[in-house]
N, C-alpha and C. Protein backbone atom coordinates (compact mmCIF):
# COMPACT_ATOMS: atom_id res chain seq x y z
N MET A 1 -5.79 5.79 -12.48
CA MET A 1 -6.93 5.31 -11.61
C MET A 1 -7.49 6.71 -11.33
N SER A 2 -8.84 6.64 -11.40
CA SER A 2 -9.49 7.91 -11.18
C SER A 2 -9.75 8.51 -9.82
N THR A 3 -10.08 9.67 -9.48
CA THR A 3 -10.22 9.99 -8.13
C THR A 3 -11.07 9.64 -7.34
N GLU A 4 -12.16 9.20 -8.02
CA GLU A 4 -13.28 8.44 -7.39
C GLU A 4 -12.94 7.09 -6.80
N THR A 5 -12.23 6.50 -7.87
CA THR A 5 -11.84 5.18 -7.18
C THR A 5 -10.83 4.95 -6.12
N LEU A 6 -9.85 6.07 -6.18
CA LEU A 6 -8.84 6.38 -5.13
C LEU A 6 -9.65 6.50 -3.92
N PHE A 7 -10.63 7.30 -3.97
CA PHE A 7 -11.34 8.00 -2.82
C PHE A 7 -12.05 6.72 -2.08
N LEU A 8 -12.75 6.00 -2.87
CA LEU A 8 -13.64 4.71 -2.49
C LEU A 8 -12.45 3.66 -1.86
N ILE A 9 -11.56 3.52 -2.31
CA ILE A 9 -10.34 2.60 -1.79
C ILE A 9 -9.97 3.15 -0.32
N LEU A 10 -9.60 4.40 -0.23
CA LEU A 10 -9.23 5.02 1.10
C LEU A 10 -10.48 5.04 2.00
N ALA A 11 -11.58 5.24 1.38
CA ALA A 11 -12.61 5.25 2.66
C ALA A 11 -12.88 3.65 2.78
N ALA A 12 -12.84 2.88 2.24
CA ALA A 12 -12.92 1.37 2.61
C ALA A 12 -11.84 0.97 3.44
N ALA A 13 -10.79 1.47 3.51
CA ALA A 13 -9.55 1.35 4.21
C ALA A 13 -9.94 1.94 5.55
N VAL A 14 -10.06 3.04 5.57
CA VAL A 14 -10.38 3.70 6.84
C VAL A 14 -11.69 3.08 7.46
N ALA A 15 -12.83 2.72 6.96
CA ALA A 15 -13.87 1.97 7.56
C ALA A 15 -13.24 0.65 8.03
N THR A 16 -12.48 -0.01 7.24
CA THR A 16 -11.99 -1.48 7.85
C THR A 16 -11.31 -1.06 9.14
N PHE A 17 -10.30 -0.34 8.86
CA PHE A 17 -9.42 0.02 10.17
C PHE A 17 -10.15 0.43 11.44
N ALA A 18 -11.25 1.34 11.21
CA ALA A 18 -11.99 1.86 12.29
C ALA A 18 -12.88 0.72 13.10
N THR A 19 -13.33 -0.25 12.11
CA THR A 19 -14.20 -1.26 12.75
C THR A 19 -13.06 -2.22 13.53
N ARG A 20 -12.04 -2.51 13.01
CA ARG A 20 -11.22 -3.39 13.84
C ARG A 20 -10.61 -2.89 15.07
N ILE A 21 -10.15 -1.63 14.88
CA ILE A 21 -9.66 -1.06 15.85
C ILE A 21 -10.80 -0.70 17.06
N GLY A 22 -12.07 -0.40 16.64
CA GLY A 22 -13.24 -0.26 17.46
C GLY A 22 -13.59 -1.26 18.21
N GLY A 23 -13.64 -2.65 17.53
CA GLY A 23 -13.85 -3.83 18.28
C GLY A 23 -12.95 -4.20 19.24
N TYR A 24 -11.56 -4.01 19.06
CA TYR A 24 -10.28 -4.27 19.99
C TYR A 24 -10.32 -3.21 21.03
N VAL A 25 -10.84 -1.89 20.90
CA VAL A 25 -11.04 -1.04 22.17
C VAL A 25 -12.09 -1.40 22.79
N LEU A 26 -13.35 -1.87 22.29
CA LEU A 26 -14.59 -2.25 22.91
C LEU A 26 -14.11 -3.41 23.87
N ILE A 27 -13.56 -4.64 23.39
CA ILE A 27 -13.28 -5.81 24.22
C ILE A 27 -12.37 -5.66 25.15
N THR A 28 -10.93 -4.82 25.12
CA THR A 28 -10.20 -4.46 26.05
C THR A 28 -10.68 -3.64 27.16
N ARG A 29 -11.67 -2.92 27.08
CA ARG A 29 -12.23 -2.29 28.14
C ARG A 29 -13.39 -2.83 28.99
N LEU A 30 -13.83 -4.00 28.32
CA LEU A 30 -14.70 -4.89 29.28
C LEU A 30 -13.95 -5.81 30.38
N ASN A 31 -14.43 -6.06 31.44
CA ASN A 31 -13.87 -7.10 32.21
C ASN A 31 -14.15 -8.37 31.95
N SER A 32 -15.30 -8.52 31.21
CA SER A 32 -15.59 -9.93 30.98
C SER A 32 -16.64 -9.58 29.60
N ILE A 33 -16.57 -10.65 28.78
CA ILE A 33 -17.47 -10.47 27.52
C ILE A 33 -18.70 -10.97 28.09
N PRO A 34 -19.88 -10.09 27.77
CA PRO A 34 -21.26 -10.50 28.13
C PRO A 34 -21.84 -11.67 27.04
N PRO A 35 -22.50 -12.52 27.73
CA PRO A 35 -22.82 -13.84 26.89
C PRO A 35 -23.54 -13.64 25.33
N ARG A 36 -24.30 -12.47 25.22
CA ARG A 36 -24.58 -12.05 24.21
C ARG A 36 -23.67 -11.74 22.95
N MET A 37 -22.77 -11.12 23.56
CA MET A 37 -21.80 -10.49 22.77
C MET A 37 -20.85 -11.66 22.30
N GLU A 38 -20.45 -12.48 23.21
CA GLU A 38 -19.90 -13.78 22.91
C GLU A 38 -20.70 -14.65 21.80
N GLN A 39 -22.15 -14.81 21.96
CA GLN A 39 -22.71 -15.38 20.81
C GLN A 39 -22.77 -14.98 19.58
N ALA A 40 -22.56 -13.42 19.29
CA ALA A 40 -22.75 -12.88 18.33
C ALA A 40 -21.14 -12.92 17.62
N LEU A 41 -20.23 -12.88 18.58
CA LEU A 41 -18.79 -13.08 17.86
C LEU A 41 -18.66 -14.65 17.59
N ASN A 42 -19.23 -15.34 18.16
CA ASN A 42 -19.19 -16.96 17.69
C ASN A 42 -20.00 -17.07 16.28
N ALA A 43 -20.89 -16.40 16.11
CA ALA A 43 -21.48 -16.26 14.79
C ALA A 43 -20.92 -15.87 13.40
N VAL A 44 -19.91 -15.14 13.76
CA VAL A 44 -19.16 -14.39 12.80
C VAL A 44 -18.59 -15.34 11.51
N PRO A 45 -17.66 -16.25 12.06
CA PRO A 45 -17.31 -16.98 11.06
C PRO A 45 -18.28 -17.87 9.81
N ALA A 46 -19.54 -18.26 10.47
CA ALA A 46 -20.33 -18.84 9.65
C ALA A 46 -21.04 -17.62 8.63
N ALA A 47 -21.16 -16.48 9.31
CA ALA A 47 -21.83 -15.44 8.17
C ALA A 47 -20.76 -15.09 7.44
N VAL A 48 -19.71 -14.90 7.56
CA VAL A 48 -18.70 -14.42 6.56
C VAL A 48 -18.39 -15.80 5.51
N LEU A 49 -18.53 -16.92 5.98
CA LEU A 49 -18.33 -18.14 4.99
C LEU A 49 -19.68 -17.98 4.40
N THR A 50 -20.72 -17.78 4.75
CA THR A 50 -22.02 -17.79 4.06
C THR A 50 -21.86 -16.48 2.84
N THR A 51 -21.40 -15.40 3.12
CA THR A 51 -21.31 -14.17 2.24
C THR A 51 -20.49 -14.69 1.04
N LEU A 52 -19.38 -15.46 1.36
CA LEU A 52 -18.53 -15.95 0.36
C LEU A 52 -19.02 -16.74 -0.62
N VAL A 53 -19.61 -17.92 -0.03
CA VAL A 53 -20.06 -19.01 -0.81
C VAL A 53 -21.47 -18.91 -1.58
N ALA A 54 -22.45 -18.25 -0.75
CA ALA A 54 -23.75 -18.44 -1.51
C ALA A 54 -23.77 -17.54 -2.70
N PRO A 55 -23.38 -16.69 -3.07
CA PRO A 55 -23.11 -15.83 -4.24
C PRO A 55 -22.41 -16.70 -5.44
N ALA A 56 -21.30 -17.34 -5.07
CA ALA A 56 -21.01 -18.25 -6.21
C ALA A 56 -21.92 -19.14 -6.40
N PHE A 57 -22.41 -19.75 -5.52
CA PHE A 57 -23.27 -21.20 -5.81
C PHE A 57 -24.30 -20.76 -6.46
N PHE A 58 -25.10 -19.61 -6.01
CA PHE A 58 -26.24 -19.29 -7.00
C PHE A 58 -26.18 -18.53 -8.15
N ASN A 59 -25.04 -18.17 -8.40
CA ASN A 59 -24.74 -17.31 -9.67
C ASN A 59 -23.65 -17.91 -10.45
N GLY A 60 -23.23 -19.13 -10.28
CA GLY A 60 -22.28 -19.95 -10.90
C GLY A 60 -23.04 -21.05 -11.72
N GLY A 61 -22.36 -21.54 -12.42
CA GLY A 61 -23.04 -22.68 -13.49
C GLY A 61 -23.08 -23.93 -12.62
N ALA A 62 -23.34 -25.03 -13.64
CA ALA A 62 -23.39 -26.27 -13.07
C ALA A 62 -22.16 -26.80 -12.41
N ASP A 63 -21.17 -26.48 -13.11
CA ASP A 63 -19.64 -26.79 -12.82
C ASP A 63 -19.39 -26.39 -11.27
N VAL A 64 -19.85 -24.90 -11.08
CA VAL A 64 -19.49 -24.44 -9.74
C VAL A 64 -20.54 -25.14 -8.49
N LYS A 65 -21.70 -25.36 -8.94
CA LYS A 65 -22.42 -26.03 -8.10
C LYS A 65 -21.84 -27.47 -7.73
N ILE A 66 -21.56 -28.25 -8.73
CA ILE A 66 -21.06 -29.41 -8.53
C ILE A 66 -19.76 -29.57 -7.60
N ALA A 67 -18.87 -28.81 -7.84
CA ALA A 67 -17.57 -28.57 -7.32
C ALA A 67 -17.96 -28.15 -5.66
N MET A 68 -18.98 -27.16 -5.58
CA MET A 68 -19.28 -27.13 -4.02
C MET A 68 -19.67 -27.93 -3.39
N LEU A 69 -20.75 -28.85 -3.99
CA LEU A 69 -21.03 -30.04 -3.24
C LEU A 69 -20.38 -30.95 -3.28
N VAL A 70 -19.22 -31.41 -4.00
CA VAL A 70 -18.23 -32.17 -3.76
C VAL A 70 -17.51 -31.76 -2.52
N ALA A 71 -17.03 -30.52 -2.55
CA ALA A 71 -16.44 -30.06 -1.27
C ALA A 71 -17.16 -30.13 -0.20
N LEU A 72 -18.21 -29.83 -0.23
CA LEU A 72 -19.11 -29.93 1.28
C LEU A 72 -19.10 -31.55 1.60
N VAL A 73 -19.06 -32.52 0.71
CA VAL A 73 -19.26 -33.95 1.10
C VAL A 73 -18.02 -34.42 1.58
N VAL A 74 -16.73 -34.01 0.55
CA VAL A 74 -15.23 -34.11 1.12
C VAL A 74 -15.23 -33.67 2.75
N GLY A 75 -15.66 -32.16 2.89
CA GLY A 75 -15.36 -31.57 4.00
C GLY A 75 -16.11 -32.07 5.35
N ILE A 76 -17.00 -32.83 5.09
CA ILE A 76 -17.53 -33.60 6.34
C ILE A 76 -16.63 -34.46 6.88
N ARG A 77 -15.80 -35.17 6.12
CA ARG A 77 -14.85 -36.24 6.31
C ARG A 77 -13.31 -35.88 6.55
N TYR A 78 -13.01 -34.94 5.73
CA TYR A 78 -11.39 -34.71 5.67
C TYR A 78 -11.24 -33.32 5.94
N PRO A 79 -9.98 -32.90 6.21
CA PRO A 79 -9.42 -31.44 6.65
C PRO A 79 -9.21 -30.56 5.31
N GLY A 80 -9.19 -29.54 5.56
CA GLY A 80 -9.03 -28.17 4.56
C GLY A 80 -8.34 -28.37 3.45
N LEU A 81 -7.20 -28.59 3.23
CA LEU A 81 -6.57 -28.62 1.96
C LEU A 81 -7.19 -29.82 0.89
N LEU A 82 -7.55 -30.93 1.52
CA LEU A 82 -8.15 -31.93 0.70
C LEU A 82 -9.53 -31.28 0.19
N ILE A 83 -10.33 -30.53 0.88
CA ILE A 83 -11.48 -30.07 0.29
C ILE A 83 -11.33 -29.22 -0.79
N LEU A 84 -10.08 -28.37 -0.67
CA LEU A 84 -9.94 -27.61 -2.14
C LEU A 84 -9.48 -28.27 -3.20
N ALA A 85 -8.90 -29.41 -2.73
CA ALA A 85 -8.47 -30.36 -4.02
C ALA A 85 -9.51 -30.95 -4.62
N ALA A 86 -10.57 -31.33 -3.89
CA ALA A 86 -11.54 -32.02 -4.35
C ALA A 86 -12.44 -31.27 -5.09
N GLY A 87 -12.67 -29.90 -4.53
CA GLY A 87 -13.42 -28.89 -5.28
C GLY A 87 -12.93 -28.60 -6.67
N TRP A 88 -11.58 -28.27 -6.53
CA TRP A 88 -11.04 -28.04 -7.93
C TRP A 88 -11.07 -28.90 -8.87
N ALA A 89 -10.63 -30.14 -8.46
CA ALA A 89 -10.88 -31.42 -9.26
C ALA A 89 -12.36 -31.80 -9.96
N ALA A 90 -13.18 -31.37 -9.17
CA ALA A 90 -14.52 -31.56 -9.56
C ALA A 90 -14.95 -30.69 -10.80
N ALA A 91 -14.52 -29.24 -10.48
CA ALA A 91 -14.56 -28.27 -11.34
C ALA A 91 -13.96 -28.38 -12.67
N MET A 92 -12.77 -28.99 -12.52
CA MET A 92 -11.93 -29.47 -13.87
C MET A 92 -12.49 -30.49 -14.70
N ILE A 93 -13.00 -31.46 -13.80
CA ILE A 93 -13.64 -32.60 -14.44
C ILE A 93 -15.00 -32.21 -15.34
N CYS A 94 -15.79 -31.42 -14.47
CA CYS A 94 -16.91 -30.76 -15.31
C CYS A 94 -16.62 -30.13 -16.33
N ARG A 95 -15.61 -29.08 -16.42
CA ARG A 95 -15.33 -28.30 -17.33
C ARG A 95 -14.74 -28.78 -18.58
N HIS A 96 -13.67 -29.88 -18.26
CA HIS A 96 -13.03 -30.27 -19.47
C HIS A 96 -13.55 -31.57 -20.06
N LEU A 97 -14.17 -32.48 -19.02
CA LEU A 97 -14.69 -33.96 -19.60
C LEU A 97 -16.15 -33.73 -19.85
N LEU A 98 -16.93 -33.14 -19.06
CA LEU A 98 -18.21 -33.10 -19.28
C LEU A 98 -18.73 -31.86 -19.94
N GLY A 99 -17.97 -30.83 -20.40
CA GLY A 99 -18.26 -29.63 -21.03
C GLY A 99 -19.08 -28.71 -20.55
N PHE A 100 -19.32 -28.73 -19.17
CA PHE A 100 -19.99 -27.70 -18.55
C PHE A 100 -19.23 -26.14 -18.64
C-alpha cells in the first residue's frame, strides 16, 4: 500500500471520528434540541439513502434499474429482508433469463 493511500485512509478515519464526536458533544451540551436541528437530523436517513441509491440507479444497466424498481414496489408493502430478496431475484432473472 502506498504512503498516499495510507494517509488518505487515516485522514478519512480522523474526519469520521471527529464529526461523530463533535455531534455527540454538541447534542450533550444542549438542554433541548432546537426544532431546526431536529428537522435537519430527521432528514439525514433520506439523504444517506439517496446518496447510496441514486448513483447505482443512474449508472447501472437495465438489470439494476429493474431490480431497484421491483425492490421499491415490494418495499411499499413488505419489510426489509423481503425487499432485498425481491431486488436480488429481479436482478438475477434479468441477468440470466433476459440476458441484460
